[in-house]
Amino acid sequence: MRELYIGCDNGVTGTIGFISGTYSTMYKTPVKLEQSYTKKKQNISRVQVGALRGMIQGAMEDNDVTAQHTRVMIERPMVNPGRFKATLSAMRALEATLNVVELLGIGYEYCDSKEWQKALLPQGIKGEELKKASADIGKRLYPHLSSQIGKHKDADGLLISHFLMLKYK
């Protein structure tokens, strides 16, 4: 039986990539905006757990694979005390993603961004150039997704799933 590889660029602005055989696609992480639970009036973005679950289940059904033949790789979230709000957002997104993956009975593993980037992107690229390189490589590897990649400005979730596939093939 073939495998389904899912790559999660963790966070509320990330993407999720799916690869299995000749099937490959990528989506923006489904999020919703709601009022924060703090005293200060502000909004926060949260992962839409039901939509994420439907997205993953749909890919499993489309590829006729079970949880035992599905692998998930999640990019380790950024944790930086100097960027408290961004860290909090990343941790909320991670928890929501883990809840869905565990509920579906799918095994998962973490990777650092540098790990998959070193394997797939040119050496010596830093900062904003990483997003451009991600988009360029994603478009070359998956030309049918060029429009989606262009809209999102990178292919991180897709490249994480590609890295996961290479790891287990």
Foldseek 3Di string as FASTA:
>chain_A
DWAWFWFWAFFQLTKIWIDIDPDIDMDRQAWDWDFDPDPDTDIDIAGPLVVVLVVVVVSCVVVVHALVRYEYEYEDQDDDPVPVVSNVRRVRRVVSVVVSNVVSVHYYYYDHLCVLCVVQFDPPDDDPVSLQRQLVSCCVVPVVCNVVSVVSSGCNNNSRSVVVVVVPD
